[in-house]
N, C-alpha and C. Protein backbone atom coordinates (compact mmCIF):
# COMPACT_ATOMS: atom_id res chain seq x y z
N MET A 1 181.70 -71.35 -1.58
CA MET A 1 182.93 -70.54 -1.62
C MET A 1 184.02 -71.06 -0.78
N LYS A 2 183.81 -71.17 0.75
CA LYS A 2 184.91 -72.33 1.71
C LYS A 2 185.03 -73.51 0.91
N TYR A 3 184.50 -74.07 0.46
CA TYR A 3 184.90 -75.55 -0.13
C TYR A 3 185.57 -75.70 -1.15
N LEU A 4 185.19 -74.53 -1.96
CA LEU A 4 186.18 -74.39 -3.61
C LEU A 4 187.72 -73.79 -2.83
N ASN A 5 188.30 -72.75 -1.86
CA ASN A 5 189.30 -72.27 -1.44
C ASN A 5 190.47 -73.08 -0.74
N SER A 6 189.42 -73.89 -0.05
CA SER A 6 190.41 -74.73 0.99
C SER A 6 190.96 -75.65 0.01
N GLY A 7 190.00 -76.31 -0.82
CA GLY A 7 190.30 -77.43 -1.91
C GLY A 7 191.53 -76.85 -2.36
N GLN A 8 191.02 -75.41 -3.53
CA GLN A 8 192.46 -75.14 -4.29
C GLN A 8 193.58 -74.80 -3.22
N LEU A 9 193.30 -74.13 -2.18
CA LEU A 9 194.57 -74.25 -1.33
C LEU A 9 195.31 -75.65 -1.04
N GLY A 10 194.26 -76.89 -0.85
CA GLY A 10 194.61 -77.96 -1.07
C GLY A 10 195.58 -78.68 -2.06
N GLU A 11 195.54 -78.06 -3.03
CA GLU A 11 195.94 -78.38 -4.56
C GLU A 11 197.16 -77.18 -4.68
N ASP A 12 197.28 -76.43 -3.84
CA ASP A 12 198.63 -75.53 -3.94
C ASP A 12 199.28 -76.21 -3.18
N LEU A 13 199.21 -76.96 -2.35
CA LEU A 13 200.13 -77.24 -1.28
C LEU A 13 200.77 -78.53 -1.37
N VAL A 14 199.98 -79.40 -2.26
CA VAL A 14 200.43 -80.65 -2.98
C VAL A 14 201.31 -80.01 -4.01
N ALA A 15 200.97 -79.04 -5.06
CA ALA A 15 201.53 -79.29 -5.92
C ALA A 15 202.93 -78.52 -6.00
N GLN A 16 202.94 -77.70 -4.64
CA GLN A 16 204.04 -77.18 -4.26
C GLN A 16 205.44 -78.17 -3.43
N TRP A 17 204.93 -79.30 -2.86
CA TRP A 17 205.29 -80.32 -2.40
C TRP A 17 205.74 -81.31 -3.34
N LEU A 18 205.01 -81.30 -4.57
CA LEU A 18 205.69 -82.17 -5.22
C LEU A 18 207.02 -81.51 -6.27
N GLN A 19 206.91 -80.31 -6.54
CA GLN A 19 207.82 -79.31 -7.42
C GLN A 19 208.87 -79.36 -6.50
N SER A 20 208.84 -79.62 -5.23
CA SER A 20 210.14 -79.25 -3.87
C SER A 20 210.69 -81.01 -3.92
N THR A 21 209.97 -82.08 -4.78
CA THR A 21 210.87 -83.59 -4.47
C THR A 21 211.07 -83.66 -6.02
N GLY A 22 210.91 -83.40 -6.65
CA GLY A 22 211.53 -83.08 -7.96
C GLY A 22 210.57 -83.10 -9.13
N TRP A 23 209.10 -83.41 -9.01
CA TRP A 23 208.39 -83.34 -9.65
C TRP A 23 207.79 -82.09 -10.69
N ILE A 24 207.71 -82.12 -11.87
CA ILE A 24 207.61 -80.75 -13.10
C ILE A 24 205.93 -81.45 -12.86
N ILE A 25 205.44 -80.41 -12.81
CA ILE A 25 203.41 -80.06 -12.53
C ILE A 25 203.46 -79.35 -14.16
N LEU A 26 202.83 -80.30 -14.74
CA LEU A 26 201.84 -80.47 -16.22
C LEU A 26 200.80 -79.55 -16.45
N HIS A 27 199.99 -80.23 -15.70
CA HIS A 27 198.44 -79.39 -15.56
C HIS A 27 198.12 -79.52 -14.19
N ARG A 28 197.19 -78.67 -14.09
CA ARG A 28 196.09 -78.65 -12.41
C ARG A 28 194.48 -78.33 -13.17
N ARG A 29 194.01 -79.22 -12.75
CA ARG A 29 192.34 -79.32 -12.63
C ARG A 29 192.18 -79.78 -14.19
N PHE A 30 192.89 -80.65 -14.79
CA PHE A 30 192.90 -81.39 -16.19
C PHE A 30 191.28 -81.81 -16.10
N SER A 31 190.20 -81.08 -17.27
CA SER A 31 188.96 -81.54 -17.54
C SER A 31 188.79 -82.46 -18.73
N SER A 32 187.73 -83.09 -18.85
CA SER A 32 187.36 -84.03 -19.68
C SER A 32 185.93 -84.34 -19.81
N ARG A 33 185.24 -84.87 -20.71
CA ARG A 33 183.98 -84.97 -20.01
C ARG A 33 183.73 -86.06 -18.99
N TRP A 34 184.92 -86.82 -19.06
CA TRP A 34 184.58 -88.15 -18.24
C TRP A 34 184.83 -87.10 -16.12
N GLY A 35 185.91 -86.21 -16.37
CA GLY A 35 185.74 -85.49 -15.06
C GLY A 35 186.84 -84.37 -14.81
N GLU A 36 187.81 -84.81 -14.15
CA GLU A 36 188.96 -83.90 -13.64
C GLU A 36 189.71 -84.25 -12.60
N ILE A 37 191.53 -83.90 -13.20
CA ILE A 37 192.16 -84.56 -12.72
C ILE A 37 193.03 -83.47 -12.10
N ASP A 38 193.09 -83.79 -10.62
CA ASP A 38 193.65 -82.58 -9.69
C ASP A 38 194.80 -81.78 -10.43
N ILE A 39 195.57 -82.92 -10.04
CA ILE A 39 197.42 -82.59 -10.62
C ILE A 39 197.71 -83.80 -11.67
N ILE A 40 198.36 -83.51 -12.37
CA ILE A 40 199.11 -84.37 -13.03
C ILE A 40 200.76 -83.54 -13.65
N ALA A 41 201.49 -84.57 -12.81
CA ALA A 41 202.83 -84.51 -12.90
C ALA A 41 203.70 -85.51 -13.61
N GLN A 42 204.96 -85.16 -13.80
CA GLN A 42 205.90 -85.38 -14.32
C GLN A 42 207.42 -85.71 -13.41
N TYR A 43 207.80 -86.90 -13.50
CA TYR A 43 209.02 -87.09 -12.93
C TYR A 43 210.17 -88.00 -13.93
N ASP A 44 211.26 -87.24 -14.16
CA ASP A 44 212.12 -88.09 -14.85
C ASP A 44 213.09 -88.39 -14.18
N GLN A 45 213.20 -89.87 -14.11
CA GLN A 45 214.40 -90.39 -13.08
C GLN A 45 215.30 -90.87 -13.73
N GLY A 46 216.92 -89.74 -13.45
CA GLY A 46 217.60 -89.91 -14.25
C GLY A 46 217.87 -90.64 -16.16
N VAL A 47 217.36 -89.35 -16.16
CA VAL A 47 216.85 -89.58 -18.23
C VAL A 47 218.29 -90.07 -18.70
N GLY A 48 218.15 -90.54 -19.63
CA GLY A 48 219.04 -91.57 -20.30
C GLY A 48 219.92 -91.15 -21.06
N GLU A 49 220.61 -92.24 -21.47
CA GLU A 49 221.04 -91.15 -22.38
C GLU A 49 220.73 -90.08 -23.86
N VAL A 50 221.80 -89.37 -23.85
CA VAL A 50 221.60 -88.10 -25.11
C VAL A 50 222.63 -88.75 -26.25
N GLY A 51 221.47 -88.94 -27.62
CA GLY A 51 222.22 -89.26 -28.74
C GLY A 51 221.75 -88.88 -29.90
N GLU A 52 222.51 -88.96 -31.11
CA GLU A 52 222.39 -88.33 -32.46
C GLU A 52 221.46 -89.54 -33.30
N GLN A 53 220.80 -88.51 -33.93
CA GLN A 53 219.77 -89.60 -34.70
C GLN A 53 219.37 -89.05 -35.81
N GLY A 54 220.44 -89.16 -37.16
CA GLY A 54 219.98 -88.63 -38.55
C GLY A 54 219.86 -86.86 -38.18
N GLY A 55 221.12 -86.28 -37.54
CA GLY A 55 221.78 -85.29 -37.90
C GLY A 55 220.54 -84.33 -36.29
N ASN A 56 219.90 -85.03 -36.01
CA ASN A 56 219.21 -84.43 -34.73
C ASN A 56 219.30 -85.30 -33.15
N PHE A 57 219.33 -84.39 -31.75
CA PHE A 57 219.52 -85.16 -30.63
C PHE A 57 218.45 -85.10 -29.84
N SER A 58 218.57 -86.58 -29.53
CA SER A 58 217.16 -86.99 -28.61
C SER A 58 217.76 -87.49 -27.74
N VAL A 59 216.65 -87.20 -26.20
CA VAL A 59 216.82 -87.86 -24.83
C VAL A 59 215.97 -88.49 -24.68
N SER A 60 216.32 -89.87 -23.79
CA SER A 60 215.40 -91.18 -23.64
C SER A 60 214.80 -90.85 -22.73
N THR A 61 213.48 -91.17 -22.74
CA THR A 61 212.44 -90.72 -22.04
C THR A 61 211.95 -91.94 -20.69
N GLN A 62 212.25 -93.29 -21.19
CA GLN A 62 212.17 -94.37 -20.66
C GLN A 62 212.32 -94.36 -19.61
N HIS A 63 212.59 -93.69 -18.88
CA HIS A 63 212.39 -93.72 -17.24
C HIS A 63 211.54 -92.38 -16.50
N SER A 64 210.82 -91.86 -17.47
CA SER A 64 209.75 -90.90 -16.96
C SER A 64 208.74 -91.31 -16.25
N MET A 65 207.86 -90.75 -15.60
CA MET A 65 207.11 -91.74 -15.15
C MET A 65 205.85 -90.40 -14.99
N LEU A 66 204.58 -90.92 -15.08
CA LEU A 66 203.56 -89.47 -14.80
C LEU A 66 202.65 -90.15 -13.84
N ALA A 67 201.85 -88.80 -12.78
CA ALA A 67 201.19 -88.94 -11.54
C ALA A 67 199.90 -88.38 -11.91
N PHE A 68 199.03 -89.16 -11.84
CA PHE A 68 197.47 -88.40 -11.74
C PHE A 68 196.94 -88.72 -10.60
N VAL A 69 197.35 -87.29 -9.43
CA VAL A 69 197.12 -87.42 -8.20
C VAL A 69 195.89 -86.31 -7.71
N GLU A 70 194.97 -87.62 -7.59
CA GLU A 70 193.28 -86.57 -6.34
C GLU A 70 193.91 -86.24 -5.28
N VAL A 71 193.68 -85.00 -5.11
CA VAL A 71 193.68 -84.47 -3.83
C VAL A 71 192.23 -84.11 -3.15
N LYS A 72 192.66 -84.30 -1.54
CA LYS A 72 191.23 -84.47 -0.76
C LYS A 72 191.72 -83.70 0.34
N THR A 73 191.05 -82.35 0.27
CA THR A 73 191.57 -81.70 1.57
C THR A 73 189.85 -81.04 2.32
N ARG A 74 190.75 -81.91 3.14
CA ARG A 74 188.93 -82.12 4.64
C ARG A 74 189.60 -81.37 6.19
N SER A 75 188.66 -80.89 6.54
CA SER A 75 188.95 -80.79 8.20
C SER A 75 189.00 -82.06 8.95
N SER A 76 189.98 -81.89 9.92
CA SER A 76 189.90 -82.98 10.45
C SER A 76 188.38 -83.18 11.08
N GLY A 77 188.28 -85.06 11.65
CA GLY A 77 187.05 -85.02 11.89
C GLY A 77 186.47 -85.44 10.98
N SER A 78 186.58 -85.43 9.52
CA SER A 78 185.82 -85.19 8.41
C SER A 78 184.66 -86.67 8.62
N TRP A 79 183.77 -86.52 8.07
CA TRP A 79 183.04 -88.19 7.94
C TRP A 79 183.65 -89.09 6.96
N ASP A 80 184.32 -88.89 6.08
CA ASP A 80 184.80 -89.31 4.88
C ASP A 80 186.16 -89.95 5.02
N ALA A 81 186.55 -90.18 6.32
CA ALA A 81 187.61 -90.57 6.44
C ALA A 81 188.94 -89.66 5.43
N GLY A 82 189.10 -88.38 5.88
CA GLY A 82 189.85 -87.87 5.65
C GLY A 82 190.04 -87.64 3.93
N GLY A 83 188.83 -87.85 3.44
CA GLY A 83 189.13 -88.22 1.90
C GLY A 83 188.81 -89.38 1.02
N ARG A 84 189.53 -90.39 2.16
CA ARG A 84 189.81 -91.55 1.43
C ARG A 84 188.69 -92.48 0.95
N SER A 85 187.44 -92.05 2.11
CA SER A 85 186.07 -93.34 1.12
C SER A 85 185.61 -92.24 0.17
N ALA A 86 186.36 -91.24 -0.40
CA ALA A 86 185.38 -90.48 -1.29
C ALA A 86 186.43 -90.95 -2.94
N ILE A 87 186.92 -91.93 -2.44
CA ILE A 87 187.80 -92.36 -3.57
C ILE A 87 187.12 -93.41 -4.17
N THR A 88 185.64 -93.45 -4.59
CA THR A 88 184.67 -94.69 -5.00
C THR A 88 185.56 -95.34 -6.03
N PRO A 89 185.21 -96.91 -6.54
CA PRO A 89 185.37 -97.31 -7.67
C PRO A 89 184.61 -96.31 -8.74
N GLN A 90 184.05 -95.34 -8.41
CA GLN A 90 183.06 -94.74 -9.71
C GLN A 90 184.30 -93.45 -9.84
N LYS A 91 184.07 -93.23 -9.07
CA LYS A 91 185.58 -91.93 -9.02
C LYS A 91 186.94 -92.11 -9.57
N GLN A 92 187.04 -93.68 -9.20
CA GLN A 92 188.49 -94.10 -9.68
C GLN A 92 188.48 -94.20 -11.24
N ALA A 93 187.39 -94.71 -11.90
CA ALA A 93 186.80 -94.95 -13.11
C ALA A 93 187.12 -93.33 -13.86
N LYS A 94 186.37 -92.34 -13.41
CA LYS A 94 186.28 -91.24 -13.96
C LYS A 94 187.86 -90.72 -14.04
N ILE A 95 188.75 -90.85 -12.98
CA ILE A 95 189.73 -90.35 -13.68
C ILE A 95 190.73 -91.29 -14.61
N TRP A 96 190.81 -92.41 -14.45
CA TRP A 96 190.69 -93.45 -15.35
C TRP A 96 191.09 -92.82 -16.81
N ARG A 97 190.04 -92.75 -16.96
CA ARG A 97 189.43 -92.08 -18.48
C ARG A 97 189.57 -90.60 -18.65
N THR A 98 189.51 -90.05 -17.58
CA THR A 98 190.06 -88.56 -18.16
C THR A 98 192.01 -88.26 -18.17
N ALA A 99 192.47 -89.65 -17.53
CA ALA A 99 193.90 -90.22 -17.88
C ALA A 99 194.05 -90.76 -19.27
N GLY A 100 193.03 -91.22 -19.80
CA GLY A 100 193.16 -91.81 -20.87
C GLY A 100 193.41 -90.70 -22.32
N MET A 101 192.18 -89.59 -21.64
CA MET A 101 192.24 -88.33 -22.49
C MET A 101 193.35 -87.52 -22.98
N PHE A 102 194.06 -87.63 -21.37
CA PHE A 102 195.13 -86.47 -21.23
C PHE A 102 196.08 -87.69 -22.13
N LEU A 103 196.43 -88.61 -22.21
CA LEU A 103 197.35 -89.69 -22.79
C LEU A 103 196.99 -89.35 -24.46
N ALA A 104 195.87 -89.15 -24.67
CA ALA A 104 195.21 -89.02 -26.33
C ALA A 104 195.62 -87.74 -26.54
N GLN A 105 195.84 -86.66 -26.09
CA GLN A 105 195.95 -85.50 -26.49
C GLN A 105 197.56 -85.33 -26.51
N TYR A 106 197.99 -85.90 -25.58
CA TYR A 106 199.56 -85.68 -25.38
C TYR A 106 200.44 -87.11 -25.92
N PRO A 107 200.10 -87.43 -26.96
CA PRO A 107 200.66 -89.02 -27.31
C PRO A 107 202.15 -89.38 -27.06
N GLU A 108 202.83 -88.37 -26.90
CA GLU A 108 204.48 -88.27 -26.62
C GLU A 108 204.42 -88.71 -25.38
N LYS A 109 203.49 -89.02 -24.32
CA LYS A 109 203.77 -89.21 -23.20
C LYS A 109 202.79 -90.31 -22.75
N ALA A 110 202.25 -91.71 -24.02
CA ALA A 110 201.51 -92.69 -23.61
C ALA A 110 202.38 -93.22 -23.41
N ASP A 111 203.99 -93.59 -23.77
CA ASP A 111 204.69 -94.67 -23.15
C ASP A 111 205.18 -94.39 -22.01
N TYR A 112 204.52 -93.65 -21.14
CA TYR A 112 205.52 -93.15 -19.52
C TYR A 112 204.82 -94.51 -18.90
N SER A 113 205.51 -94.03 -17.67
CA SER A 113 205.25 -95.40 -16.72
C SER A 113 203.69 -94.08 -16.10
N CYS A 114 202.80 -94.69 -15.73
CA CYS A 114 201.97 -93.96 -15.03
C CYS A 114 201.18 -94.59 -13.93
N ARG A 115 200.71 -93.72 -12.98
CA ARG A 115 200.46 -93.94 -11.72
C ARG A 115 199.65 -93.28 -11.30
N PHE A 116 198.55 -93.44 -9.88
CA PHE A 116 197.02 -92.74 -9.85
C PHE A 116 197.47 -92.38 -8.17
N ASP A 117 197.80 -91.63 -7.83
CA ASP A 117 198.39 -91.40 -6.44
C ASP A 117 197.19 -90.36 -5.70
N VAL A 118 196.93 -90.10 -4.35
CA VAL A 118 196.40 -89.80 -3.61
C VAL A 118 196.85 -88.70 -2.60
N ALA A 119 196.24 -87.55 -2.73
CA ALA A 119 196.62 -86.81 -1.26
C ALA A 119 195.97 -86.41 -0.17
N ILE A 120 195.94 -86.37 1.06
CA ILE A 120 195.51 -86.03 1.71
C ILE A 120 195.99 -85.08 2.72
N VAL A 121 194.86 -83.93 2.51
CA VAL A 121 195.06 -82.18 3.06
C VAL A 121 194.61 -82.19 4.21
N TYR A 122 194.72 -81.97 4.87
CA TYR A 122 194.27 -81.51 6.68
C TYR A 122 193.96 -80.26 6.63
N CYS A 123 192.76 -79.39 6.70
CA CYS A 123 192.50 -78.17 6.75
C CYS A 123 192.03 -77.51 7.84
N GLN A 124 192.97 -76.44 8.69
CA GLN A 124 192.03 -76.17 9.65
C GLN A 124 191.88 -74.47 9.66
N LYS A 125 191.17 -74.03 9.52
CA LYS A 125 190.59 -72.62 9.86
C LYS A 125 191.55 -71.91 11.03
N ILE A 126 191.91 -70.99 10.70
CA ILE A 126 192.64 -70.29 11.94
C ILE A 126 192.07 -69.44 12.21
N SER A 127 192.01 -69.59 14.26
CA SER A 127 191.16 -68.34 14.62
C SER A 127 192.07 -67.71 15.27
N LYS A 128 192.18 -66.47 15.50
CA LYS A 128 192.86 -64.93 15.71
C LYS A 128 192.94 -65.62 17.75
N ASN A 129 191.81 -66.13 17.69
CA ASN A 129 192.21 -66.10 19.06
C ASN A 129 192.58 -67.74 19.79
N LEU A 130 192.88 -69.00 19.20
CA LEU A 130 193.70 -69.36 19.41
C LEU A 130 194.60 -69.61 19.71
N THR A 131 194.51 -70.32 21.50
CA THR A 131 195.45 -70.11 22.13
C THR A 131 196.03 -72.10 22.65
N VAL A 132 195.46 -72.75 21.58
CA VAL A 132 195.38 -74.21 22.04
C VAL A 132 196.58 -74.76 21.35
N VAL A 133 197.45 -75.62 22.44
CA VAL A 133 198.50 -76.40 21.34
C VAL A 133 197.90 -77.72 21.40
N THR A 134 198.40 -78.37 20.35
CA THR A 134 197.82 -79.86 20.10
C THR A 134 199.14 -80.70 19.66
N ALA A 135 199.03 -81.73 20.11
CA ALA A 135 200.26 -83.04 19.47
C ALA A 135 199.42 -83.18 18.11
N THR A 136 199.85 -83.53 17.01
CA THR A 136 199.86 -83.83 15.68
C THR A 136 200.68 -84.98 15.31
N GLN A 137 199.87 -85.95 14.38
CA GLN A 137 201.12 -86.57 13.36
C GLN A 137 201.47 -85.59 12.55
N GLU A 138 202.97 -85.97 12.07
CA GLU A 138 204.27 -84.52 11.36
C GLU A 138 203.36 -84.95 9.96
N ALA A 139 203.49 -83.55 9.80
CA ALA A 139 202.86 -83.36 8.15
C ALA A 139 204.20 -83.77 7.15
N LEU A 140 203.66 -83.86 6.19
CA LEU A 140 204.75 -84.02 4.77
C LEU A 140 204.74 -82.44 4.06
N ALA A 141 204.03 -82.15 4.59
CA ALA A 141 204.09 -79.96 4.12
C ALA A 141 203.10 -79.68 4.98
N THR A 142 203.46 -78.36 5.05
CA THR A 142 202.35 -77.77 5.51
C THR A 142 202.59 -76.30 5.00
N SER A 143 201.59 -75.23 5.38
CA SER A 143 201.46 -73.72 4.97
C SER A 143 200.13 -73.09 5.33
N SER A 144 199.99 -72.11 5.73
CA SER A 144 199.13 -71.09 5.90
C SER A 144 198.65 -70.19 4.57
N ALA A 145 197.45 -70.22 4.62
CA ALA A 145 197.29 -69.07 3.94
C ALA A 145 195.92 -68.90 3.59
N ALA A 146 194.63 -67.63 3.30
CA ALA A 146 193.94 -67.10 3.51
C ALA A 146 193.11 -67.83 4.51
N GLY A 147 193.79 -67.22 5.87
CA GLY A 147 193.14 -67.60 7.10
C GLY A 147 192.94 -69.14 7.38
N TYR A 148 193.58 -70.28 6.61
CA TYR A 148 193.82 -71.77 6.54
C TYR A 148 195.05 -72.11 7.16
N LYS A 149 195.28 -73.29 7.87
CA LYS A 149 196.84 -74.09 8.21
C LYS A 149 196.28 -75.38 7.09
N LEU A 150 197.60 -75.84 6.31
CA LEU A 150 197.44 -76.59 5.62
C LEU A 150 198.47 -77.79 5.86
N LYS A 151 197.84 -79.34 6.02
CA LYS A 151 198.91 -80.19 6.30
C LYS A 151 198.54 -81.28 5.28
N LEU A 152 199.50 -81.62 4.44
CA LEU A 152 199.49 -82.53 4.08
C LEU A 152 199.84 -83.90 4.23
N GLN A 153 199.10 -84.47 5.14
CA GLN A 153 198.83 -85.61 6.28
C GLN A 153 199.75 -86.80 5.54
N GLU A 154 199.03 -87.05 3.96
CA GLU A 154 199.55 -88.51 3.74
C GLU A 154 199.84 -88.44 2.25
N TYR A 155 200.62 -88.87 1.65
CA TYR A 155 200.77 -89.06 0.27
C TYR A 155 200.58 -90.86 -0.33
N ILE A 156 199.44 -90.84 -0.85
CA ILE A 156 199.43 -92.19 -1.54
C ILE A 156 199.43 -92.84 -2.70
N LEU A 157 200.93 -93.44 -2.68
CA LEU A 157 201.36 -93.43 -3.88
C LEU A 157 200.73 -94.95 -4.62
N ALA A 158 200.33 -94.80 -5.90
CA ALA A 158 199.81 -95.81 -6.90
C ALA A 158 198.50 -96.29 -5.65
N ALA A 159 197.71 -95.55 -5.93
CA ALA A 159 196.57 -95.83 -4.34
C ALA A 159 195.12 -96.64 -4.85
N PHE A 160 195.28 -96.72 -6.41
CA PHE A 160 194.01 -97.51 -6.60
C PHE A 160 195.16 -98.02 -7.94
N ASP A 161 194.13 -99.22 -8.21
CA ASP A 161 194.40 -100.02 -9.25
C ASP A 161 194.16 -99.13 -10.66
N SER A 162 195.31 -99.31 -11.39
CA SER A 162 194.93 -98.83 -12.89
C SER A 162 194.28 -99.79 -13.46
N SER A 163 194.03 -100.58 -13.51
CA SER A 163 193.22 -102.04 -14.81
C SER A 163 192.30 -102.05 -14.63
N ILE A 164 191.77 -100.66 -14.05
CA ILE A 164 189.78 -100.22 -13.84
C ILE A 164 189.08 -100.70 -15.34
N ASP A 165 188.10 -101.71 -15.09
CA ASP A 165 187.37 -101.24 -16.30
C ASP A 165 186.73 -100.55 -17.24
N ASN A 166 187.48 -99.73 -18.10
CA ASN A 166 186.79 -99.21 -18.66
C ASN A 166 184.65 -98.86 -19.12
N GLY A 167 184.84 -100.17 -19.34
CA GLY A 167 183.36 -100.68 -19.64
C GLY A 167 181.95 -99.93 -18.79
């Protein structure tokens, strides 16, 4: 339960941070037979012209970007470098295949630019008796919920190569 709770809280923090920077959250925990993607977000960079075609108005989406985000929530001093070493080539392949399933399910987004990001969130259980003051690296975002303090410590853009062999 602790693992699920802190993982969900980490995903919540990243989703809120993405929204605060202009991203639209399309899906949380998108699942396919290949695996799960924690967050799928869309960013529209200066949406192009609005034009009329055959009596219908259309908006250019050529500047839209999709981010498939893997969130790793860990306590400080975790064994796997804050979750970085948990993103193995096998995990990347699962995310890549699941992203392909998403794009097949939503073909209108198939022409968008796509990238695979990783968010590193540090999680610390809040102790009622905690009086120690520590210096820490500046976080991109922080929150406290359900007895935990969370910090979005690092957001890695295009964290792994999207040309993974699907074979």
